[in-house]
Each structure stands twice: as C-alpha cells, then as structure tokens.
C-alpha atoms as a PDB file:
ATOM      1  CA  UNK A   1     170.538 131.685  37.340  1.00  0.00           C
ATOM      2  CA  UNK A   2     174.080 132.704  38.147  1.00  0.00           C
ATOM      3  CA  UNK A   3     176.569 135.510  37.739  1.00  0.00           C
ATOM      4  CA  UNK A   4     180.314 135.765  38.290  1.00  0.00           C
ATOM      5  CA  UNK A   5     181.340 139.408  38.384  1.00  0.00           C
ATOM      6  CA  UNK A   6     184.241 141.773  39.004  1.00  0.00           C
ATOM      7  CA  UNK A   7     183.971 145.457  39.926  1.00  0.00           C
ATOM      8  CA  UNK A   8     186.925 147.877  39.887  1.00  0.00           C
ATOM      9  CA  UNK A   9     185.869 150.951  41.848  1.00  0.00           C
ATOM     10  CA  UNK A  10     188.057 154.059  41.606  1.00  0.00           C
ATOM     11  CA  UNK A  11     187.766 157.174  43.754  1.00  0.00           C
ATOM     12  CA  UNK A  12     185.294 155.464  46.067  1.00  0.00           C
ATOM     13  CA  UNK A  13     183.786 157.484  48.895  1.00  0.00           C
ATOM     14  CA  UNK A  14     185.285 157.067  52.366  1.00  0.00           C
ATOM     15  CA  UNK A  15     184.757 158.843  55.679  1.00  0.00           C
ATOM     16  CA  UNK A  16     187.279 161.316  57.040  1.00  0.00           C
ATOM     17  CA  UNK A  17     187.503 163.092  60.385  1.00  0.00           C
ATOM     18  CA  UNK A  18     188.438 166.575  61.481  1.00  0.00           C
ATOM     19  CA  UNK A  19     188.852 167.756  65.102  1.00  0.00           C
ATOM     20  CA  UNK A  20     185.841 169.526  66.556  1.00  0.00           C
ATOM     21  CA  UNK A  21     186.413 173.270  67.241  1.00  0.00           C
ATOM     22  CA  UNK A  22     184.701 172.663  70.601  1.00  0.00           C
ATOM     23  CA  UNK A  23     186.781 170.589  73.073  1.00  0.00           C
ATOM     24  CA  UNK A  24     184.288 167.749  73.463  1.00  0.00           C
ATOM     25  CA  UNK A  25     186.488 164.871  72.354  1.00  0.00           C
ATOM     26  CA  UNK A  26     184.270 164.413  69.312  1.00  0.00           C
ATOM     27  CA  UNK A  27     185.253 164.661  65.660  1.00  0.00           C
ATOM     28  CA  UNK A  28     183.539 166.142  62.637  1.00  0.00           C
ATOM     29  CA  UNK A  29     182.839 163.469  60.019  1.00  0.00           C
ATOM     30  CA  UNK A  30     183.061 164.281  56.323  1.00  0.00           C
ATOM     31  CA  UNK A  31     182.942 162.277  53.100  1.00  0.00           C
ATOM     32  CA  UNK A  32     185.678 162.392  50.479  1.00  0.00           C
ATOM     33  CA  UNK A  33     186.779 160.483  47.390  1.00  0.00           C
ATOM     34  CA  UNK A  34     189.832 158.360  47.984  1.00  0.00           C
ATOM     35  CA  UNK A  35     191.427 155.014  47.256  1.00  0.00           C
ATOM     36  CA  UNK A  36     190.153 152.244  44.994  1.00  0.00           C
ATOM     37  CA  UNK A  37     188.838 148.729  45.483  1.00  0.00           C
ATOM     38  CA  UNK A  38     188.107 145.488  43.677  1.00  0.00           C
ATOM     39  CA  UNK A  39     185.079 143.262  44.255  1.00  0.00           C
ATOM     40  CA  UNK A  40     184.935 139.726  42.819  1.00  0.00           C
ATOM     41  CA  UNK A  41     181.783 137.820  43.624  1.00  0.00           C
ATOM     42  CA  UNK A  42     179.415 135.016  42.755  1.00  0.00           C
ATOM     43  CA  UNK A  43     175.620 135.118  42.773  1.00  0.00           C
ATOM     44  CA  UNK A  44     173.424 132.044  42.383  1.00  0.00           C
ATOM     45  CA  UNK A  45     169.662 131.648  42.313  1.00  0.00           C
ATOM     46  CA  UNK A  46     167.677 128.444  41.868  1.00  0.00           C
ATOM     47  CA  UNK A  47     164.186 127.030  42.311  1.00  0.00           C
ATOM     48  CA  UNK A  48     163.059 123.439  41.996  1.00  0.00           C
ATOM     49  CA  UNK A  49     159.666 121.709  41.998  1.00  0.00           C
ATOM     50  CA  UNK A  50     160.397 118.186  43.210  1.00  0.00           C
ATOM     51  CA  UNK A  51     156.715 117.253  43.035  1.00  0.00           C
ATOM     52  CA  UNK A  52     153.462 119.063  42.274  1.00  0.00           C
ATOM     53  CA  UNK A  53     153.237 119.790  45.995  1.00  0.00           C
ATOM     54  CA  UNK A  54     156.804 120.416  47.163  1.00  0.00           C
ATOM     55  CA  UNK A  55     159.197 123.150  45.979  1.00  0.00           C
ATOM     56  CA  UNK A  56     162.472 124.701  47.159  1.00  0.00           C
ATOM     57  CA  UNK A  57     164.068 128.044  46.289  1.00  0.00           C
ATOM     58  CA  UNK A  58     167.598 129.199  46.992  1.00  0.00           C
ATOM     59  CA  UNK A  59     169.773 132.299  46.611  1.00  0.00           C
ATOM     60  CA  UNK A  60     173.475 132.641  47.417  1.00  0.00           C
ATOM     61  CA  UNK A  61     176.093 135.398  47.359  1.00  0.00           C
ATOM     62  CA  UNK A  62     179.817 135.094  48.031  1.00  0.00           C
ATOM     63  CA  UNK A  63     182.723 137.538  47.730  1.00  0.00           C
ATOM     64  CA  UNK A  64     186.056 136.028  46.692  1.00  0.00           C
ATOM     65  CA  UNK A  65     187.607 139.480  46.925  1.00  0.00           C
ATOM     66  CA  UNK A  66     186.152 142.563  48.587  1.00  0.00           C
ATOM     67  CA  UNK A  67     189.069 144.808  49.474  1.00  0.00           C
ATOM     68  CA  UNK A  68     190.831 148.097  48.996  1.00  0.00           C
ATOM     69  CA  UNK A  69     193.460 147.913  46.274  1.00  0.00           C
ATOM     70  CA  UNK A  70     195.159 151.217  47.086  1.00  0.00           C
ATOM     71  CA  UNK A  71     196.000 153.078  50.279  1.00  0.00           C
ATOM     72  CA  UNK A  72     193.861 156.202  50.803  1.00  0.00           C
ATOM     73  CA  UNK A  73     195.749 159.520  51.042  1.00  0.00           C
ATOM     74  CA  UNK A  74     197.200 160.156  54.541  1.00  0.00           C
ATOM     75  CA  UNK A  75     194.831 161.940  56.933  1.00  0.00           C
ATOM     76  CA  UNK A  76     196.163 162.700  60.425  1.00  0.00           C
ATOM     77  CA  UNK A  77     192.643 162.543  61.873  1.00  0.00           C
ATOM     78  CA  UNK A  78     191.096 160.100  59.446  1.00  0.00           C
ATOM     79  CA  UNK A  79     190.813 156.421  58.727  1.00  0.00           C
ATOM     80  CA  UNK A  80     193.983 154.349  58.852  1.00  0.00           C
ATOM     81  CA  UNK A  81     192.805 152.196  55.951  1.00  0.00           C
ATOM     82  CA  UNK A  82     195.357 150.113  54.059  1.00  0.00           C
ATOM     83  CA  UNK A  83     195.430 148.034  50.901  1.00  0.00           C
ATOM     84  CA  UNK A  84     193.683 144.731  51.571  1.00  0.00           C
ATOM     85  CA  UNK A  85     191.197 146.030  54.145  1.00  0.00           C
ATOM     86  CA  UNK A  86     187.666 144.655  53.555  1.00  0.00           C
ATOM     87  CA  UNK A  87     184.907 147.009  52.433  1.00  0.00           C
ATOM     88  CA  UNK A  88     182.283 147.943  54.997  1.00  0.00           C
ATOM     89  CA  UNK A  89     179.018 146.057  55.552  1.00  0.00           C
ATOM     90  CA  UNK A  90     179.661 143.395  52.894  1.00  0.00           C
ATOM     91  CA  UNK A  91     179.316 139.881  54.366  1.00  0.00           C
ATOM     92  CA  UNK A  92     181.665 137.387  52.731  1.00  0.00           C
ATOM     93  CA  UNK A  93     178.813 134.877  52.411  1.00  0.00           C
ATOM     94  CA  UNK A  94     175.031 135.196  52.604  1.00  0.00           C
ATOM     95  CA  UNK A  95     172.201 132.954  51.470  1.00  0.00           C
ATOM     96  CA  UNK A  96     168.465 132.275  51.706  1.00  0.00           C
ATOM     97  CA  UNK A  97     166.755 128.876  51.523  1.00  0.00           C
ATOM     98  CA  UNK A  98     162.987 128.403  51.395  1.00  0.00           C
ATOM     99  CA  UNK A  99     160.813 125.293  51.163  1.00  0.00           C
ATOM    100  CA  UNK A 100     157.060 125.146  50.562  1.00  0.00           C
ATOM    101  CA  UNK A 101     154.542 122.298  50.606  1.00  0.00           C
ATOM    102  CA  UNK A 102     150.949 122.350  49.314  1.00  0.00           C
ATOM    103  CA  UNK A 103     148.279 119.701  49.891  1.00  0.00           C
ATOM    104  CA  UNK A 104     144.516 119.586  49.149  1.00  0.00           C
ATOM    105  CA  UNK A 105     142.408 119.358  52.310  1.00  0.00           C
ATOM    106  CA  UNK A 106     138.974 119.369  50.666  1.00  0.00           C
ATOM    107  CA  UNK A 107     137.661 119.784  47.121  1.00  0.00           C
ATOM    108  CA  UNK A 108     137.923 123.579  47.452  1.00  0.00           C
ATOM    109  CA  UNK A 109     140.537 124.197  50.170  1.00  0.00           C
ATOM    110  CA  UNK A 110     144.307 123.726  49.941  1.00  0.00           C
ATOM    111  CA  UNK A 111     146.720 123.876  52.848  1.00  0.00           C
ATOM    112  CA  UNK A 112     150.306 125.044  52.671  1.00  0.00           C
ATOM    113  CA  UNK A 113     153.392 125.327  54.858  1.00  0.00           C
ATOM    114  CA  UNK A 114     156.549 127.352  54.172  1.00  0.00           C
ATOM    115  CA  UNK A 115     159.827 127.754  56.029  1.00  0.00           C
ATOM    116  CA  UNK A 116     162.622 130.239  55.213  1.00  0.00           C
ATOM    117  CA  UNK A 117     166.163 130.332  56.555  1.00  0.00           C
ATOM    118  CA  UNK A 118     168.503 133.247  55.888  1.00  0.00           C
ATOM    119  CA  UNK A 119     172.175 133.574  56.813  1.00  0.00           C
ATOM    120  CA  UNK A 120     174.326 136.722  56.827  1.00  0.00           C
ATOM    121  CA  UNK A 121     178.066 136.360  57.410  1.00  0.00           C
ATOM    122  CA  UNK A 122     180.501 138.523  59.334  1.00  0.00           C
ATOM    123  CA  UNK A 123     180.653 142.208  58.386  1.00  0.00           C
ATOM    124  CA  UNK A 124     183.223 144.923  59.113  1.00  0.00           C
ATOM    125  CA  UNK A 125     182.639 148.680  59.272  1.00  0.00           C
ATOM    126  CA  UNK A 126     185.098 151.542  59.134  1.00  0.00           C
ATOM    127  CA  UNK A 127     188.077 149.533  57.760  1.00  0.00           C
ATOM    128  CA  UNK A 128     190.181 149.482  60.959  1.00  0.00           C
ATOM    129  CA  UNK A 129     189.670 149.796  64.739  1.00  0.00           C
ATOM    130  CA  UNK A 130     192.057 152.761  65.061  1.00  0.00           C
ATOM    131  CA  UNK A 131     192.483 156.063  63.241  1.00  0.00           C
ATOM    132  CA  UNK A 132     195.738 157.329  61.764  1.00  0.00           C
ATOM    133  CA  UNK A 133     196.479 159.287  64.948  1.00  0.00           C
ATOM    134  CA  UNK A 134     196.094 156.147  67.076  1.00  0.00           C
ATOM    135  CA  UNK A 135     192.726 156.968  68.641  1.00  0.00           C
ATOM    136  CA  UNK A 136     189.853 154.492  68.546  1.00  0.00           C
ATOM    137  CA  UNK A 137     187.786 154.529  65.364  1.00  0.00           C
ATOM    138  CA  UNK A 138     184.231 154.928  66.656  1.00  0.00           C
ATOM    139  CA  UNK A 139     182.651 153.715  63.399  1.00  0.00           C
ATOM    140  CA  UNK A 140     184.619 150.449  63.316  1.00  0.00           C
ATOM    141  CA  UNK A 141     182.723 147.295  64.268  1.00  0.00           C
ATOM    142  CA  UNK A 142     183.270 143.591  63.737  1.00  0.00           C
ATOM    143  CA  UNK A 143     179.695 142.323  63.453  1.00  0.00           C
ATOM    144  CA  UNK A 144     179.224 138.558  63.961  1.00  0.00           C
ATOM    145  CA  UNK A 145     177.274 136.312  61.558  1.00  0.00           C
ATOM    146  CA  UNK A 146     173.586 135.709  62.166  1.00  0.00           C
ATOM    147  CA  UNK A 147     170.693 133.667  60.818  1.00  0.00           C
ATOM    148  CA  UNK A 148     166.904 134.035  60.918  1.00  0.00           C
ATOM    149  CA  UNK A 149     164.135 131.466  60.458  1.00  0.00           C
ATOM    150  CA  UNK A 150     160.532 132.288  59.489  1.00  0.00           C
ATOM    151  CA  UNK A 151     157.559 129.916  59.326  1.00  0.00           C
ATOM    152  CA  UNK A 152     154.156 130.308  57.652  1.00  0.00           C
ATOM    153  CA  UNK A 153     151.117 127.965  57.630  1.00  0.00           C
ATOM    154  CA  UNK A 154     147.907 128.658  55.768  1.00  0.00           C
ATOM    155  CA  UNK A 155     144.777 127.750  53.872  1.00  0.00           C
ATOM    156  CA  UNK A 156     143.891 128.695  50.295  1.00  0.00           C
ATOM    157  CA  UNK A 157     140.407 128.814  48.822  1.00  0.00           C
ATOM    158  CA  UNK A 158     139.274 130.304  45.530  1.00  0.00           C
ATOM    159  CA  UNK A 159     138.381 133.651  47.109  1.00  0.00           C
ATOM    160  CA  UNK A 160     139.975 133.498  50.552  1.00  0.00           C
ATOM    161  CA  UNK A 161     143.504 133.024  51.861  1.00  0.00           C
ATOM    162  CA  UNK A 162     144.297 132.667  55.555  1.00  0.00           C
ATOM    163  CA  UNK A 163     147.829 132.306  56.931  1.00  0.00           C
ATOM    164  CA  UNK A 164     149.468 132.123  60.336  1.00  0.00           C
ATOM    165  CA  UNK A 165     153.138 133.120  60.607  1.00  0.00           C
ATOM    166  CA  UNK A 166     156.020 133.155  63.057  1.00  0.00           C
ATOM    167  CA  UNK A 167     158.890 135.521  62.291  1.00  0.00           C
ATOM    168  CA  UNK A 168     162.286 134.997  63.950  1.00  0.00           C
ATOM    169  CA  UNK A 169     161.211 131.519  64.998  1.00  0.00           C
ATOM    170  CA  UNK A 170     164.352 130.893  67.092  1.00  0.00           C
ATOM    171  CA  UNK A 171     163.997 134.281  68.837  1.00  0.00           C
ATOM    172  CA  UNK A 172     167.561 135.329  68.002  1.00  0.00           C
ATOM    173  CA  UNK A 173     169.111 138.716  68.820  1.00  0.00           C
ATOM    174  CA  UNK A 174     171.534 139.338  65.938  1.00  0.00           C
ATOM    175  CA  UNK A 175     173.525 142.561  65.721  1.00  0.00           C
ATOM    176  CA  UNK A 176     172.401 144.010  62.408  1.00  0.00           C
ATOM    177  CA  UNK A 177     173.829 147.530  62.887  1.00  0.00           C
ATOM    178  CA  UNK A 178     175.981 149.123  65.584  1.00  0.00           C
ATOM    179  CA  UNK A 179     177.018 152.672  66.452  1.00  0.00           C
ATOM    180  CA  UNK A 180     179.620 153.575  69.069  1.00  0.00           C
ATOM    181  CA  UNK A 181     179.189 156.863  70.938  1.00  0.00           C
ATOM    182  CA  UNK A 182     182.356 158.423  72.353  1.00  0.00           C
ATOM    183  CA  UNK A 183     180.767 161.301  74.277  1.00  0.00           C
ATOM    184  CA  UNK A 184     180.750 160.795  78.056  1.00  0.00           C
ATOM    185  CA  UNK A 185     179.520 158.398  79.104  1.00  0.00           C
ATOM    186  CA  UNK A 186     180.518 156.137  76.185  1.00  0.00           C
ATOM    187  CA  UNK A 187     177.682 154.001  74.848  1.00  0.00           C
ATOM    188  CA  UNK A 188     176.990 151.441  72.153  1.00  0.00           C
ATOM    189  CA  UNK A 189     173.760 151.574  70.143  1.00  0.00           C
ATOM    190  CA  UNK A 190     172.680 148.371  68.403  1.00  0.00           C
ATOM    191  CA  UNK A 191     169.877 147.479  66.017  1.00  0.00           C
ATOM    192  CA  UNK A 192     168.642 143.900  66.234  1.00  0.00           C
ATOM    193  CA  UNK A 193     165.884 141.832  64.671  1.00  0.00           C
ATOM    194  CA  UNK A 194     162.360 141.984  66.003  1.00  0.00           C
ATOM    195  CA  UNK A 195     161.824 139.295  68.674  1.00  0.00           C
ATOM    196  CA  UNK A 196     159.838 136.168  67.870  1.00  0.00           C
ATOM    197  CA  UNK A 197     156.583 137.488  66.425  1.00  0.00           C
ATOM    198  CA  UNK A 198     153.290 135.661  65.882  1.00  0.00           C
ATOM    199  CA  UNK A 199     150.702 136.953  63.458  1.00  0.00           C
ATOM    200  CA  UNK A 200     147.953 136.115  60.994  1.00  0.00           C
ATOM    201  CA  UNK A 201     146.766 137.506  57.675  1.00  0.00           C
ATOM    202  CA  UNK A 202     143.490 137.183  55.781  1.00  0.00           C
ATOM    203  CA  UNK A 203     143.200 137.976  52.055  1.00  0.00           C
ATOM    204  CA  UNK A 204     140.037 138.224  49.971  1.00  0.00           C
ATOM    205  CA  UNK A 205     139.887 138.188  46.177  1.00  0.00           C
ATOM    206  CA  UNK A 206     137.181 140.232  44.458  1.00  0.00           C
END
C-alpha cells in the first residue's frame, strides 16, 4: 500500500506569548490562528511471506515538504517564525521493520521469534530558538533521531500461548519529548523510552 499526498493548511494554530503581569520572567502562552503551511509526504506499507514460516512487514513515512508557506503576523512577544520553517514534531523520515519466524517444535506446539526495529528522525519544536523580541524561545527544541529494537520469543499451542519479550533491547535513552523551564533555576525536563525491559505473557483460549 502507498500514498503520495499534499496538504495545504490555512490559518493553522500557533503559540503566542504575552508578558506575565507578575515580574517573574515568565510569559503567558496562548493559541491563535496564523500563517499557513504545506505538507507533501509519502507513506508506504508492505508485508511479505517469503516462506510458510518467515514473514517481514514494513512501514515508511517521509516528508518532502513540511514547512510554513507564509510568515505569521508580527507579535512582539511571540514566535519569530518565518516562511520555510519546519512544522513542529514532524520527523522528516520514520519507519518500522518487523520480521517473524515460525517453526513446529512438536505435533501440537509451534515456536516463534519476532524482532521489530523502529526509527524516528530529527524533530523541531517551536519553529525557532528565539522569539521576535530576541529572548530565548523556551518551547524550541532540536530533538535528535532515535531508534528502538524489540524482541519476542514464544510458544503456540491450540489453547495456550506463552511469550517472552525484551523491549528496548539496546537500552537506548532517546529524547522523545523535552520541555525547557525558564523559572529560576532553569531546568530541562525530558521524556525518554522505558529502559530495557524483560517480561513474559501467557494467553489461554476458551
């Protein structure tokens, strides 16, 4: 399956800022309609059974264009976004690849193994690192690419299914979300993937 698409988005929502009435150095965030953007992308999805026992599945997404096409209205305390700036949180490229193998172990028990690899490309948040007034944009982040690998091994029987899994096999610490706090003392809050996790599941059919 595949799709090549184009989205023209007018009056999209963006974040603005207003000075806080209390002298804390913070700003009041509000949402407004401004600017326009164009998104041109490709989505692909495929699955293949190479043998009765071995199969592979694949999904892919890529943005050829993912940018503002018009400058937002001027805002002395707001975002300094310009035409051509990338839209927030959209990785240019992302994909998932999975492979699974089945094999009979006895007349009534089958074994299986599956591995999944996912990749998420670089993402930007907040359009630009500085606001119109020259101060740092606290919601701007340049998040690096990351990948995750999961593994699952198991046994299938007519009524029972047992599986052992390892999530985040390589024990990576990707930055999935980030928030910058400007109040003294400044701090950065990050959300990452769960560390390498071992587990097991048992299913029973009735």
